[in-house]
PDB file of N, CA and C in Angstrom:
ATOM      1  N   MET A   1     -19.169  -1.926  11.353  1.00  0.00           N
ATOM      2  CA  MET A   1     -18.020  -3.053  11.768  1.00  0.00           C
ATOM      3  C   MET A   1     -17.550  -1.437  12.153  1.00  0.00           C
ATOM      4  N   GLN A   2     -16.815  -2.195  13.472  1.00  0.00           N
ATOM      5  CA  GLN A   2     -16.102  -1.072  13.861  1.00  0.00           C
ATOM      6  C   GLN A   2     -14.173  -1.762  13.044  1.00  0.00           C
ATOM      7  N   ARG A   3     -13.616  -1.078  12.494  1.00  0.00           N
ATOM      8  CA  ARG A   3     -11.895  -1.877  12.537  1.00  0.00           C
ATOM      9  C   ARG A   3     -11.513  -0.877  13.121  1.00  0.00           C
ATOM     10  N   ASP A   4     -10.428  -2.272  12.770  1.00  0.00           N
ATOM     11  CA  ASP A   4      -9.473  -1.265  13.998  1.00  0.00           C
ATOM     12  C   ASP A   4      -7.862  -1.451  13.652  1.00  0.00           C
ATOM     13  N   ASP A   5      -6.789  -1.432  14.046  1.00  0.00           N
ATOM     14  CA  ASP A   5      -5.019  -0.894  14.064  1.00  0.00           C
ATOM     15  C   ASP A   5      -5.403  -1.908  13.071  1.00  0.00           C
ATOM     16  N   GLU A   6      -4.635  -3.369  13.498  1.00  0.00           N
ATOM     17  CA  GLU A   6      -4.443  -4.665  12.968  1.00  0.00           C
ATOM     18  C   GLU A   6      -5.544  -4.135  11.131  1.00  0.00           C
ATOM     19  N   ASP A   7      -6.756  -3.524  11.070  1.00  0.00           N
ATOM     20  CA  ASP A   7      -7.208  -4.309  10.179  1.00  0.00           C
ATOM     21  C   ASP A   7      -6.426  -3.281   9.246  1.00  0.00           C
ATOM     22  N   TYR A   8      -6.746  -1.774   9.715  1.00  0.00           N
ATOM     23  CA  TYR A   8      -5.868  -0.781   8.736  1.00  0.00           C
ATOM     24  C   TYR A   8      -4.308  -1.206   8.726  1.00  0.00           C
ATOM     25  N   ALA A   9      -2.835  -1.891   9.000  1.00  0.00           N
ATOM     26  CA  ALA A   9      -2.267  -2.496   8.608  1.00  0.00           C
ATOM     27  C   ALA A   9      -2.308  -3.793   7.929  1.00  0.00           C
ATOM     28  N   GLY A  10      -3.198  -4.108   7.816  1.00  0.00           N
ATOM     29  CA  GLY A  10      -3.924  -5.590   6.757  1.00  0.00           C
ATOM     30  C   GLY A  10      -3.749  -4.619   5.238  1.00  0.00           C
ATOM     31  N   ASP A  11      -5.165  -3.794   5.298  1.00  0.00           N
ATOM     32  CA  ASP A  11      -5.427  -2.755   4.224  1.00  0.00           C
ATOM     33  C   ASP A  11      -3.901  -2.596   3.375  1.00  0.00           C
ATOM     34  N   MET A  12      -2.838  -1.857   4.650  1.00  0.00           N
ATOM     35  CA  MET A  12      -1.581  -1.082   4.059  1.00  0.00           C
ATOM     36  C   MET A  12      -1.015  -2.508   2.954  1.00  0.00           C
ATOM     37  N   LEU A  13      -0.931  -3.784   3.622  1.00  0.00           N
ATOM     38  CA  LEU A  13      -0.200  -5.056   3.008  1.00  0.00           C
ATOM     39  C   LEU A  13      -0.867  -5.297   1.997  1.00  0.00           C
ATOM     40  N   ASP A  14      -2.300  -5.491   2.002  1.00  0.00           N
ATOM     41  CA  ASP A  14      -2.981  -5.415   0.675  1.00  0.00           C
ATOM     42  C   ASP A  14      -2.442  -4.396  -0.604  1.00  0.00           C
ATOM     43  N   MET A  15      -2.731  -3.304  -0.174  1.00  0.00           N
ATOM     44  CA  MET A  15      -2.485  -2.352  -1.505  1.00  0.00           C
ATOM     45  C   MET A  15      -0.922  -2.359  -1.675  1.00  0.00           C
ATOM     46  N   ALA A  16      -0.231  -2.585  -0.696  1.00  0.00           N
ATOM     47  CA  ALA A  16       1.693  -2.311  -1.323  1.00  0.00           C
ATOM     48  C   ALA A  16       1.906  -3.483  -1.999  1.00  0.00           C
ATOM     49  N   THR A  17       1.205  -5.086  -1.409  1.00  0.00           N
ATOM     50  CA  THR A  17       1.630  -5.851  -2.453  1.00  0.00           C
ATOM     51  C   THR A  17       0.966  -5.894  -3.557  1.00  0.00           C
ATOM     52  N   LYS A  18       0.089  -5.181  -3.890  1.00  0.00           N
ATOM     53  CA  LYS A  18      -1.180  -4.948  -4.681  1.00  0.00           C
ATOM     54  C   LYS A  18      -0.051  -3.825  -6.242  1.00  0.00           C
ATOM     55  N   ALA A  19       0.412  -3.765  -5.755  1.00  0.00           N
ATOM     56  CA  ALA A  19       0.869  -2.631  -6.248  1.00  0.00           C
ATOM     57  C   ALA A  19       2.351  -3.134  -6.645  1.00  0.00           C
ATOM     58  N   LEU A  20       2.999  -3.873  -5.975  1.00  0.00           N
ATOM     59  CA  LEU A  20       4.367  -4.321  -6.429  1.00  0.00           C
ATOM     60  C   LEU A  20       4.028  -5.619  -7.397  1.00  0.00           C
ATOM     61  N   ALA A  21       2.647  -6.222  -7.035  1.00  0.00           N
ATOM     62  CA  ALA A  21       2.899  -7.254  -8.454  1.00  0.00           C
ATOM     63  C   ALA A  21       2.246  -6.547  -9.560  1.00  0.00           C
ATOM     64  N   ILE A  22       1.548  -5.510  -9.602  1.00  0.00           N
ATOM     65  CA  ILE A  22       1.190  -4.983 -10.878  1.00  0.00           C
ATOM     66  C   ILE A  22       2.568  -4.222 -11.463  1.00  0.00           C
ATOM     67  N   ALA A  23       3.344  -3.671 -10.861  1.00  0.00           N
ATOM     68  CA  ALA A  23       4.533  -2.831 -10.865  1.00  0.00           C
ATOM     69  C   ALA A  23       6.065  -4.390 -11.555  1.00  0.00           C
ATOM     70  N   GLU A  24       5.509  -5.053 -10.881  1.00  0.00           N
ATOM     71  CA  GLU A  24       6.635  -6.536 -11.384  1.00  0.00           C
ATOM     72  C   GLU A  24       6.975  -6.232 -12.620  1.00  0.00           C
ATOM     73  N   GLY A  25       8.459  -6.439 -12.730  1.00  0.00           N
ATOM     74  CA  GLY A  25       8.657  -6.351 -14.245  1.00  0.00           C
ATOM     75  C   GLY A  25       9.009  -5.571 -15.162  1.00  0.00           C
ATOM     76  N   LYS A  26       7.987  -3.836 -14.685  1.00  0.00           N
ATOM     77  CA  LYS A  26       8.042  -3.265 -15.611  1.00  0.00           C
ATOM     78  C   LYS A  26       8.499  -2.168 -15.406  1.00  0.00           C
ATOM     79  N   SER A  27       9.872  -1.711 -16.421  1.00  0.00           N
ATOM     80  CA  SER A  27      11.084  -0.725 -16.607  1.00  0.00           C
ATOM     81  C   SER A  27       9.972   1.173 -16.339  1.00  0.00           C
ATOM     82  N   ARG A  28      11.077   1.980 -16.076  1.00  0.00           N
ATOM     83  CA  ARG A  28      10.893   2.748 -15.759  1.00  0.00           C
ATOM     84  C   ARG A  28      10.289   3.738 -17.224  1.00  0.00           C
ATOM     85  N   GLU A  29      10.716   3.057 -18.497  1.00  0.00           N
ATOM     86  CA  GLU A  29      10.129   3.803 -19.262  1.00  0.00           C
ATOM     87  C   GLU A  29       8.912   3.321 -19.512  1.00  0.00           C
ATOM     88  N   GLU A  30       8.407   1.977 -19.378  1.00  0.00           N
ATOM     89  CA  GLU A  30       7.025   1.904 -19.582  1.00  0.00           C
ATOM     90  C   GLU A  30       5.677   2.629 -18.683  1.00  0.00           C
ATOM     91  N   PHE A  31       6.560   2.524 -17.283  1.00  0.00           N
ATOM     92  CA  PHE A  31       6.061   2.793 -16.423  1.00  0.00           C
ATOM     93  C   PHE A  31       5.547   4.576 -16.920  1.00  0.00           C
ATOM     94  N   ASP A  32       6.748   5.404 -17.118  1.00  0.00           N
ATOM     95  CA  ASP A  32       6.341   6.392 -17.473  1.00  0.00           C
ATOM     96  C   ASP A  32       5.510   6.988 -18.905  1.00  0.00           C
ATOM     97  N   ALA A  33       5.261   5.402 -20.110  1.00  0.00           N
ATOM     98  CA  ALA A  33       4.980   5.790 -21.139  1.00  0.00           C
ATOM     99  C   ALA A  33       3.407   4.938 -20.950  1.00  0.00           C
ATOM    100  N   ASP A  34       2.597   4.845 -19.763  1.00  0.00           N
ATOM    101  CA  ASP A  34       1.622   3.609 -19.228  1.00  0.00           C
ATOM    102  C   ASP A  34       0.495   4.594 -18.580  1.00  0.00           C
ATOM    103  N   GLU A  35       0.117   5.251 -19.055  1.00  0.00           N
ATOM    104  CA  GLU A  35      -0.487   6.352 -17.956  1.00  0.00           C
ATOM    105  C   GLU A  35      -1.933   5.677 -16.876  1.00  0.00           C
ATOM    106  N   VAL A  36      -2.524   4.367 -17.790  1.00  0.00           N
ATOM    107  CA  VAL A  36      -3.328   4.031 -16.895  1.00  0.00           C
ATOM    108  C   VAL A  36      -2.424   3.250 -16.200  1.00  0.00           C
ATOM    109  N   LEU A  37      -1.224   2.374 -16.068  1.00  0.00           N
ATOM    110  CA  LEU A  37      -0.401   2.233 -14.657  1.00  0.00           C
ATOM    111  C   LEU A  37       0.458   2.913 -14.143  1.00  0.00           C
ATOM    112  N   GLY A  38       0.613   4.058 -14.314  1.00  0.00           N
ATOM    113  CA  GLY A  38       0.974   4.896 -13.487  1.00  0.00           C
ATOM    114  C   GLY A  38      -0.317   5.477 -12.440  1.00  0.00           C
ATOM    115  N   LEU A  39      -1.255   5.844 -13.234  1.00  0.00           N
ATOM    116  CA  LEU A  39      -2.731   6.062 -12.288  1.00  0.00           C
ATOM    117  C   LEU A  39      -2.843   5.180 -11.047  1.00  0.00           C
ATOM    118  N   ALA A  40      -3.211   4.170 -12.065  1.00  0.00           N
ATOM    119  CA  ALA A  40      -3.437   2.624 -10.284  1.00  0.00           C
ATOM    120  C   ALA A  40      -2.178   3.012  -9.657  1.00  0.00           C
ATOM    121  N   LEU A  41      -1.421   2.890 -10.280  1.00  0.00           N
ATOM    122  CA  LEU A  41      -0.646   2.473  -9.130  1.00  0.00           C
ATOM    123  C   LEU A  41      -0.144   3.541  -8.101  1.00  0.00           C
ATOM    124  N   LEU A  42      -0.476   5.320  -8.664  1.00  0.00           N
ATOM    125  CA  LEU A  42      -0.912   5.769  -7.428  1.00  0.00           C
ATOM    126  C   LEU A  42      -1.920   5.815  -6.740  1.00  0.00           C
ATOM    127  N   HIS A  43      -2.861   5.072  -7.028  1.00  0.00           N
ATOM    128  CA  HIS A  43      -4.306   5.847  -6.461  1.00  0.00           C
ATOM    129  C   HIS A  43      -3.934   3.855  -5.073  1.00  0.00           C
ATOM    130  N   LEU A  44      -3.049   3.241  -5.764  1.00  0.00           N
ATOM    131  CA  LEU A  44      -2.592   2.442  -4.792  1.00  0.00           C
ATOM    132  C   LEU A  44      -2.122   2.657  -3.616  1.00  0.00           C
ATOM    133  N   ILE A  45      -0.923   3.896  -3.975  1.00  0.00           N
ATOM    134  CA  ILE A  45      -0.243   4.585  -2.812  1.00  0.00           C
ATOM    135  C   ILE A  45      -0.825   5.452  -1.432  1.00  0.00           C
ATOM    136  N   GLN A  46      -1.892   6.091  -2.787  1.00  0.00           N
ATOM    137  CA  GLN A  46      -2.676   6.229  -1.847  1.00  0.00           C
ATOM    138  C   GLN A  46      -3.331   5.802  -1.067  1.00  0.00           C
ATOM    139  N   HIS A  47      -4.030   4.480  -0.962  1.00  0.00           N
ATOM    140  CA  HIS A  47      -4.994   3.399  -0.285  1.00  0.00           C
ATOM    141  C   HIS A  47      -3.993   3.448   1.399  1.00  0.00           C
ATOM    142  N   VAL A  48      -2.114   3.123   0.417  1.00  0.00           N
ATOM    143  CA  VAL A  48      -1.760   3.044   1.486  1.00  0.00           C
ATOM    144  C   VAL A  48      -1.661   4.048   3.050  1.00  0.00           C
ATOM    145  N   GLY A  49      -1.394   5.043   2.426  1.00  0.00           N
ATOM    146  CA  GLY A  49      -1.524   5.994   3.322  1.00  0.00           C
ATOM    147  C   GLY A  49      -2.500   6.299   4.049  1.00  0.00           C
ATOM    148  N   GLU A  50      -3.556   6.520   2.737  1.00  0.00           N
ATOM    149  CA  GLU A  50      -5.376   6.661   4.611  1.00  0.00           C
ATOM    150  C   GLU A  50      -5.151   5.279   5.550  1.00  0.00           C
ATOM    151  N   ALA A  51      -4.337   3.874   5.028  1.00  0.00           N
ATOM    152  CA  ALA A  51      -4.821   3.304   5.728  1.00  0.00           C
ATOM    153  C   ALA A  51      -3.996   3.743   7.040  1.00  0.00           C
ATOM    154  N   ALA A  52      -2.592   3.947   6.771  1.00  0.00           N
ATOM    155  CA  ALA A  52      -1.881   4.148   7.843  1.00  0.00           C
ATOM    156  C   ALA A  52      -1.988   5.532   8.373  1.00  0.00           C
ATOM    157  N   SER A  53      -2.750   6.754   8.092  1.00  0.00           N
ATOM    158  CA  SER A  53      -3.179   7.838   8.893  1.00  0.00           C
ATOM    159  C   SER A  53      -4.643   7.618   9.887  1.00  0.00           C
ATOM    160  N   ARG A  54      -5.130   5.793   9.417  1.00  0.00           N
ATOM    161  CA  ARG A  54      -6.153   5.791  10.698  1.00  0.00           C
ATOM    162  C   ARG A  54      -5.554   4.998  11.959  1.00  0.00           C
ATOM    163  N   THR A  55      -4.464   4.375  11.805  1.00  0.00           N
ATOM    164  CA  THR A  55      -3.760   3.962  12.963  1.00  0.00           C
ATOM    165  C   THR A  55      -4.033   4.865  14.023  1.00  0.00           C
ATOM    166  N   THR A  56      -3.913   3.895  14.856  1.00  0.00           N
ATOM    167  CA  THR A  56      -4.168   5.192  16.431  1.00  0.00           C
ATOM    168  C   THR A  56      -2.028   5.040  16.587  1.00  0.00           C
ATOM    169  N   PRO A  57      -1.800   6.077  17.068  1.00  0.00           N
ATOM    170  CA  PRO A  57      -0.739   6.774  17.773  1.00  0.00           C
ATOM    171  C   PRO A  57       0.091   5.665  19.095  1.00  0.00           C
ATOM    172  N   ALA A  58      -0.361   4.903  19.164  1.00  0.00           N
ATOM    173  CA  ALA A  58      -0.018   4.062  20.327  1.00  0.00           C
ATOM    174  C   ALA A  58      -0.133   2.458  19.176  1.00  0.00           C
ATOM    175  N   TYR A  59      -0.225   2.516  18.275  1.00  0.00           N
ATOM    176  CA  TYR A  59       0.340   1.095  17.625  1.00  0.00           C
ATOM    177  C   TYR A  59       0.936   1.821  16.352  1.00  0.00           C
ATOM    178  N   ARG A  60       1.310   2.331  15.913  1.00  0.00           N
ATOM    179  CA  ARG A  60       2.395   3.441  15.463  1.00  0.00           C
ATOM    180  C   ARG A  60       3.880   3.506  16.376  1.00  0.00           C
ATOM    181  N   ALA A  61       3.457   3.487  17.526  1.00  0.00           N
ATOM    182  CA  ALA A  61       3.972   3.625  18.316  1.00  0.00           C
ATOM    183  C   ALA A  61       5.165   2.409  18.953  1.00  0.00           C
ATOM    184  N   MET A  62       4.281   1.295  18.943  1.00  0.00           N
ATOM    185  CA  MET A  62       4.333  -0.180  19.265  1.00  0.00           C
ATOM    186  C   MET A  62       5.380  -0.522  17.766  1.00  0.00           C
ATOM    187  N   HIS A  63       4.794   0.110  16.490  1.00  0.00           N
ATOM    188  CA  HIS A  63       6.239  -0.702  15.386  1.00  0.00           C
ATOM    189  C   HIS A  63       6.222   0.230  14.274  1.00  0.00           C
ATOM    190  N   ASN A  64       7.033   0.952  15.039  1.00  0.00           N
ATOM    191  CA  ASN A  64       8.058   2.011  14.602  1.00  0.00           C
ATOM    192  C   ASN A  64       9.344   1.833  13.558  1.00  0.00           C
ATOM    193  N   GLU A  65       9.390   0.174  13.626  1.00  0.00           N
ATOM    194  CA  GLU A  65       9.604   0.327  12.148  1.00  0.00           C
ATOM    195  C   GLU A  65       9.512   0.505  10.777  1.00  0.00           C
ATOM    196  N   VAL A  66       7.759   1.138  10.951  1.00  0.00           N
ATOM    197  CA  VAL A  66       7.553   1.397   9.398  1.00  0.00           C
ATOM    198  C   VAL A  66       7.484   2.647   9.237  1.00  0.00           C
ATOM    199  N   ALA A  67       7.561   3.175   8.415  1.00  0.00           N
ATOM    200  CA  ALA A  67       7.834   5.154   8.614  1.00  0.00           C
ATOM    201  C   ALA A  67       6.328   5.793   8.366  1.00  0.00           C
ATOM    202  N   TRP A  68       5.681   5.757   9.493  1.00  0.00           N
ATOM    203  CA  TRP A  68       4.533   6.050   9.317  1.00  0.00           C
ATOM    204  C   TRP A  68       4.394   7.739   8.653  1.00  0.00           C
ATOM    205  N   GLU A  69       5.118   7.894   9.970  1.00  0.00           N
ATOM    206  CA  GLU A  69       5.013  10.059   9.035  1.00  0.00           C
ATOM    207  C   GLU A  69       5.129   9.973   7.511  1.00  0.00           C
ATOM    208  N   ARG A  70       6.283   9.483   6.914  1.00  0.00           N
ATOM    209  CA  ARG A  70       6.580   9.809   5.363  1.00  0.00           C
ATOM    210  C   ARG A  70       5.280   8.748   4.432  1.00  0.00           C
ATOM    211  N   ILE A  71       4.693   8.383   5.697  1.00  0.00           N
ATOM    212  CA  ILE A  71       3.886   7.321   4.595  1.00  0.00           C
ATOM    213  C   ILE A  71       2.253   7.988   4.456  1.00  0.00           C
ATOM    214  N   VAL A  72       1.990   8.335   5.306  1.00  0.00           N
ATOM    215  CA  VAL A  72       1.246   9.300   5.582  1.00  0.00           C
ATOM    216  C   VAL A  72       1.424  10.386   4.523  1.00  0.00           C
ATOM    217  N   GLY A  73       2.718  11.320   4.979  1.00  0.00           N
ATOM    218  CA  GLY A  73       2.584  12.306   4.360  1.00  0.00           C
ATOM    219  C   GLY A  73       2.925  12.308   3.264  1.00  0.00           C
ATOM    220  N   MET A  74       3.341  11.300   2.081  1.00  0.00           N
ATOM    221  CA  MET A  74       3.367  10.579   1.125  1.00  0.00           C
ATOM    222  C   MET A  74       1.428  10.919   0.255  1.00  0.00           C
ATOM    223  N   ARG A  75       1.105  10.263   1.152  1.00  0.00           N
ATOM    224  CA  ARG A  75      -0.741  10.815   0.866  1.00  0.00           C
ATOM    225  C   ARG A  75      -1.067  12.046   0.857  1.00  0.00           C
ATOM    226  N   HIS A  76      -0.849  12.494   1.964  1.00  0.00           N
ATOM    227  CA  HIS A  76      -1.392  14.088   1.615  1.00  0.00           C
ATOM    228  C   HIS A  76      -0.602  14.530   0.400  1.00  0.00           C
ATOM    229  N   ARG A  77       0.498  14.594   0.176  1.00  0.00           N
ATOM    230  CA  ARG A  77       1.279  14.981  -1.157  1.00  0.00           C
ATOM    231  C   ARG A  77       0.495  15.284  -2.160  1.00  0.00           C
ATOM    232  N   LEU A  78       0.094  13.135  -2.243  1.00  0.00           N
ATOM    233  CA  LEU A  78      -0.649  12.980  -3.927  1.00  0.00           C
ATOM    234  C   LEU A  78      -1.537  13.590  -4.017  1.00  0.00           C
ATOM    235  N   VAL A  79      -2.709  13.414  -2.364  1.00  0.00           N
ATOM    236  CA  VAL A  79      -4.172  13.989  -3.176  1.00  0.00           C
ATOM    237  C   VAL A  79      -4.171  15.519  -3.273  1.00  0.00           C
ATOM    238  N   HIS A  80      -3.326  16.127  -2.148  1.00  0.00           N
ATOM    239  CA  HIS A  80      -3.595  17.373  -2.300  1.00  0.00           C
ATOM    240  C   HIS A  80      -2.451  18.395  -3.256  1.00  0.00           C
ATOM    241  N   ASP A  81      -1.435  17.458  -3.573  1.00  0.00           N
ATOM    242  CA  ASP A  81      -1.311  18.340  -4.988  1.00  0.00           C
ATOM    243  C   ASP A  81      -0.595  17.488  -5.813  1.00  0.00           C
ATOM    244  N   TYR A  82      -2.786  17.333  -5.796  1.00  0.00           N
ATOM    245  CA  TYR A  82      -2.308  16.183  -7.147  1.00  0.00           C
ATOM    246  C   TYR A  82      -1.968  16.691  -8.795  1.00  0.00           C
ATOM    247  N   LEU A  83      -2.029  17.977  -8.561  1.00  0.00           N
ATOM    248  CA  LEU A  83      -1.348  18.584  -9.763  1.00  0.00           C
ATOM    249  C   LEU A  83       0.827  18.547  -9.802  1.00  0.00           C
ATOM    250  N   GLU A  84       0.980  18.536  -9.360  1.00  0.00           N
ATOM    251  CA  GLU A  84       2.240  18.629  -8.957  1.00  0.00           C
ATOM    252  C   GLU A  84       3.209  17.199  -8.714  1.00  0.00           C
ATOM    253  N   VAL A  85       2.137  16.149  -8.938  1.00  0.00           N
ATOM    254  CA  VAL A  85       3.088  14.808  -9.030  1.00  0.00           C
ATOM    255  C   VAL A  85       4.305  14.531  -9.359  1.00  0.00           C
ATOM    256  N   ASP A  86       5.225  14.212  -7.811  1.00  0.00           N
ATOM    257  CA  ASP A  86       6.642  14.087  -8.537  1.00  0.00           C
ATOM    258  C   ASP A  86       7.017  12.431  -8.688  1.00  0.00           C
ATOM    259  N   TRP A  87       6.854  12.354  -9.931  1.00  0.00           N
ATOM    260  CA  TRP A  87       6.604  10.962 -10.771  1.00  0.00           C
ATOM    261  C   TRP A  87       8.051  10.102 -10.573  1.00  0.00           C
ATOM    262  N   ASP A  88       9.180  11.341 -10.135  1.00  0.00           N
ATOM    263  CA  ASP A  88      10.154  10.285  -9.787  1.00  0.00           C
ATOM    264  C   ASP A  88      10.463   9.491  -8.382  1.00  0.00           C
ATOM    265  N   VAL A  89       9.592  10.320  -7.900  1.00  0.00           N
ATOM    266  CA  VAL A  89       9.454   9.843  -6.293  1.00  0.00           C
ATOM    267  C   VAL A  89       8.247   8.598  -6.295  1.00  0.00           C
ATOM    268  N   VAL A  90       7.652   9.028  -7.192  1.00  0.00           N
ATOM    269  CA  VAL A  90       6.366   8.001  -7.097  1.00  0.00           C
ATOM    270  C   VAL A  90       6.909   6.285  -7.754  1.00  0.00           C
ATOM    271  N   TRP A  91       8.223   6.369  -8.636  1.00  0.00           N
ATOM    272  CA  TRP A  91       8.542   5.558  -8.943  1.00  0.00           C
ATOM    273  C   TRP A  91       9.898   5.208  -7.593  1.00  0.00           C
ATOM    274  N   GLU A  92      10.541   5.923  -7.620  1.00  0.00           N
ATOM    275  CA  GLU A  92      11.116   5.417  -6.363  1.00  0.00           C
ATOM    276  C   GLU A  92      10.504   4.530  -5.079  1.00  0.00           C
ATOM    277  N   VAL A  93       9.565   5.118  -4.422  1.00  0.00           N
ATOM    278  CA  VAL A  93       8.448   4.204  -3.829  1.00  0.00           C
ATOM    279  C   VAL A  93       8.174   2.945  -3.876  1.00  0.00           C
ATOM    280  N   LEU A  94       7.673   2.970  -5.067  1.00  0.00           N
ATOM    281  CA  LEU A  94       7.390   1.755  -5.737  1.00  0.00           C
ATOM    282  C   LEU A  94       8.680   0.642  -6.108  1.00  0.00           C
ATOM    283  N   THR A  95       9.563   1.380  -6.519  1.00  0.00           N
ATOM    284  CA  THR A  95      11.096  -0.078  -6.439  1.00  0.00           C
ATOM    285  C   THR A  95      11.436   0.471  -5.755  1.00  0.00           C
ATOM    286  N   ILE A  96      11.302   0.796  -4.657  1.00  0.00           N
ATOM    287  CA  ILE A  96      12.162   0.469  -3.385  1.00  0.00           C
ATOM    288  C   ILE A  96      11.495   1.191  -1.896  1.00  0.00           C
ATOM    289  N   HIS A  97      10.608   1.771  -1.508  1.00  0.00           N
ATOM    290  CA  HIS A  97      10.458   1.750  -0.273  1.00  0.00           C
ATOM    291  C   HIS A  97       8.520   0.679  -0.501  1.00  0.00           C
ATOM    292  N   LEU A  98       8.160   0.145  -0.776  1.00  0.00           N
ATOM    293  CA  LEU A  98       7.604  -0.782  -0.559  1.00  0.00           C
ATOM    294  C   LEU A  98       7.375  -2.361  -0.614  1.00  0.00           C
ATOM    295  N   GLY A  99       8.435  -2.394  -1.038  1.00  0.00           N
ATOM    296  CA  GLY A  99       9.083  -3.666  -0.910  1.00  0.00           C
ATOM    297  C   GLY A  99       9.525  -3.642   1.145  1.00  0.00           C
ATOM    298  N   GLU A 100      10.264  -2.552   0.911  1.00  0.00           N
ATOM    299  CA  GLU A 100      10.955  -2.420   2.840  1.00  0.00           C
ATOM    300  C   GLU A 100       9.408  -2.565   3.746  1.00  0.00           C
ATOM    301  N   LEU A 101       8.325  -2.206   2.859  1.00  0.00           N
ATOM    302  CA  LEU A 101       7.120  -1.435   3.860  1.00  0.00           C
ATOM    303  C   LEU A 101       6.810  -3.092   3.889  1.00  0.00           C
ATOM    304  N   VAL A 102       6.228  -3.380   2.898  1.00  0.00           N
ATOM    305  CA  VAL A 102       5.498  -5.105   2.537  1.00  0.00           C
ATOM    306  C   VAL A 102       6.518  -5.993   3.917  1.00  0.00           C
ATOM    307  N   LYS A 103       7.916  -6.102   4.051  1.00  0.00           N
ATOM    308  CA  LYS A 103       9.147  -6.710   4.961  1.00  0.00           C
ATOM    309  C   LYS A 103       8.689  -6.483   6.117  1.00  0.00           C
ATOM    310  N   ASN A 104       8.231  -5.497   6.158  1.00  0.00           N
ATOM    311  CA  ASN A 104       8.104  -4.637   7.816  1.00  0.00           C
ATOM    312  C   ASN A 104       6.578  -5.207   7.733  1.00  0.00           C
ATOM    313  N   LEU A 105       5.235  -4.790   7.645  1.00  0.00           N
ATOM    314  CA  LEU A 105       4.155  -4.992   7.927  1.00  0.00           C
ATOM    315  C   LEU A 105       4.272  -7.304   8.025  1.00  0.00           C
ATOM    316  N   GLU A 106       5.155  -7.117   7.329  1.00  0.00           N
ATOM    317  CA  GLU A 106       4.318  -8.985   7.116  1.00  0.00           C
ATOM    318  C   GLU A 106       5.212  -9.395   8.803  1.00  0.00           C
ATOM    319  N   ARG A 107       5.999  -8.503   9.002  1.00  0.00           N
ATOM    320  CA  ARG A 107       6.305  -9.801  10.627  1.00  0.00           C
ATOM    321  C   ARG A 107       5.972  -9.005  11.439  1.00  0.00           C
ATOM    322  N   PHE A 108       4.543  -8.590  11.778  1.00  0.00           N
ATOM    323  CA  PHE A 108       3.476  -8.087  12.802  1.00  0.00           C
ATOM    324  C   PHE A 108       2.356  -8.273  11.936  1.00  0.00           C
ATOM    325  N   ILE A 109       1.784  -8.510  10.915  1.00  0.00           N
ATOM    326  CA  ILE A 109       0.376  -9.034  10.072  1.00  0.00           C
ATOM    327  C   ILE A 109       0.512 -10.092  10.157  1.00  0.00           C
ATOM    328  N   PRO A 110      -0.525 -10.652  11.143  1.00  0.00           N
ATOM    329  CA  PRO A 110      -0.645 -11.621  10.811  1.00  0.00           C
ATOM    330  C   PRO A 110      -1.858 -12.568   9.658  1.00  0.00           C
ATOM    331  N   PRO A 111      -1.334 -13.638   8.934  1.00  0.00           N
ATOM    332  CA  PRO A 111      -1.464 -13.924   7.741  1.00  0.00           C
ATOM    333  C   PRO A 111      -3.114 -14.365   7.034  1.00  0.00           C
ATOM    334  N   VAL A 112      -3.553 -13.715   6.508  1.00  0.00           N
ATOM    335  CA  VAL A 112      -5.453 -14.235   6.384  1.00  0.00           C
ATOM    336  C   VAL A 112      -5.160 -15.543   5.957  1.00  0.00           C
ATOM    337  N   GLU A 113      -6.285 -15.617   6.856  1.00  0.00           N
ATOM    338  CA  GLU A 113      -6.662 -16.974   6.115  1.00  0.00           C
ATOM    339  C   GLU A 113      -7.527 -16.931   5.158  1.00  0.00           C
ATOM    340  N   PRO A 114      -7.903 -17.725   4.410  1.00  0.00           N
ATOM    341  CA  PRO A 114      -8.704 -17.693   2.865  1.00  0.00           C
ATOM    342  C   PRO A 114     -10.220 -18.133   3.983  1.00  0.00           C
ATOM    343  N   ASP A 115     -11.294 -17.166   3.702  1.00  0.00           N
ATOM    344  CA  ASP A 115     -12.695 -16.937   3.709  1.00  0.00           C
ATOM    345  C   ASP A 115     -13.326 -18.544   3.536  1.00  0.00           C
ATOM    346  N   ARG A 116     -13.292 -19.703   4.108  1.00  0.00           N
ATOM    347  CA  ARG A 116     -14.032 -21.045   3.936  1.00  0.00           C
ATOM    348  C   ARG A 116     -15.498 -20.252   2.701  1.00  0.00           C
ATOM    349  N   ASP A 117     -16.309 -19.823   3.413  1.00  0.00           N
ATOM    350  CA  ASP A 117     -17.734 -19.169   2.815  1.00  0.00           C
ATOM    351  C   ASP A 117     -17.700 -18.992   1.962  1.00  0.00           C
ATOM    352  N   SER A 118     -16.566 -17.857   1.016  1.00  0.00           N
ATOM    353  CA  SER A 118     -16.446 -17.464  -0.179  1.00  0.00           C
ATOM    354  C   SER A 118     -15.978 -17.930  -0.940  1.00  0.00           C
ATOM    355  N   ARG A 119     -15.364 -19.520  -0.777  1.00  0.00           N
ATOM    356  CA  ARG A 119     -15.141 -20.400  -1.980  1.00  0.00           C
ATOM    357  C   ARG A 119     -16.161 -21.589  -2.823  1.00  0.00           C
ATOM    358  N   SER A 120     -15.333 -21.080  -4.173  1.00  0.00           N
ATOM    359  CA  SER A 120     -16.830 -21.833  -4.503  1.00  0.00           C
ATOM    360  C   SER A 120     -17.314 -23.420  -3.982  1.00  0.00           C
ATOM    361  N   THR A 121     -17.843 -23.914  -4.500  1.00  0.00           N
ATOM    362  CA  THR A 121     -17.925 -25.303  -4.256  1.00  0.00           C
ATOM    363  C   THR A 121     -18.368 -25.705  -5.359  1.00  0.00           C
ATOM    364  N   ASP A 122     -17.966 -26.611  -5.484  1.00  0.00           N
ATOM    365  CA  ASP A 122     -17.954 -27.949  -6.277  1.00  0.00           C
ATOM    366  C   ASP A 122     -19.366 -28.303  -6.703  1.00  0.00           C
ATOM    367  N   LEU A 123     -19.986 -28.348  -7.918  1.00  0.00           N
ATOM    368  CA  LEU A 123     -20.983 -28.545  -8.350  1.00  0.00           C
ATOM    369  C   LEU A 123     -20.816 -29.795  -9.214  1.00  0.00           C
ATOM    370  N   PRO A 124     -22.103 -30.616  -9.347  1.00  0.00           N
ATOM    371  CA  PRO A 124     -21.950 -31.950 -10.335  1.00  0.00           C
ATOM    372  C   PRO A 124     -22.063 -32.246 -11.438  1.00  0.00           C
TER     373      PRO A 124
END
C-alpha cells in the first residue's frame, strides 16, 4: 500500500497523542525515575520525527505552522546521538511542544473513523 503525506501526518498525530496520554499526570521526578517510561516516550518522539521526515516538501510548505525541520532534527539527534540524549530537551518536547504539535495537526488532519470491520461483533 502506497502511503501519502496525510498518512504520515496522521501517524505523527497518533504517536504524539499516545506520548501525551502516557506522560499525562507524570512529574519530572517520575519521568526521571522510570527508565521504561522515558524510553517508551523517547521511542514515540522518534516515530513522530520519522513520520515527519517522510512527508514531501510541498506538504510541509502547505502546513508551515508545523515545525517540520525541528521535529525531523529531534528525530535525528535521538537516533544518531542516542548516547547523548538530553533528557531536559525530551521533557520540554513532552510538556510543551507535543501539545502544540497535536493542536496544529488536528487543524488539517481529518479525524479517523472507526474501522467498522475491526469492531467486535456481539455474540449471542
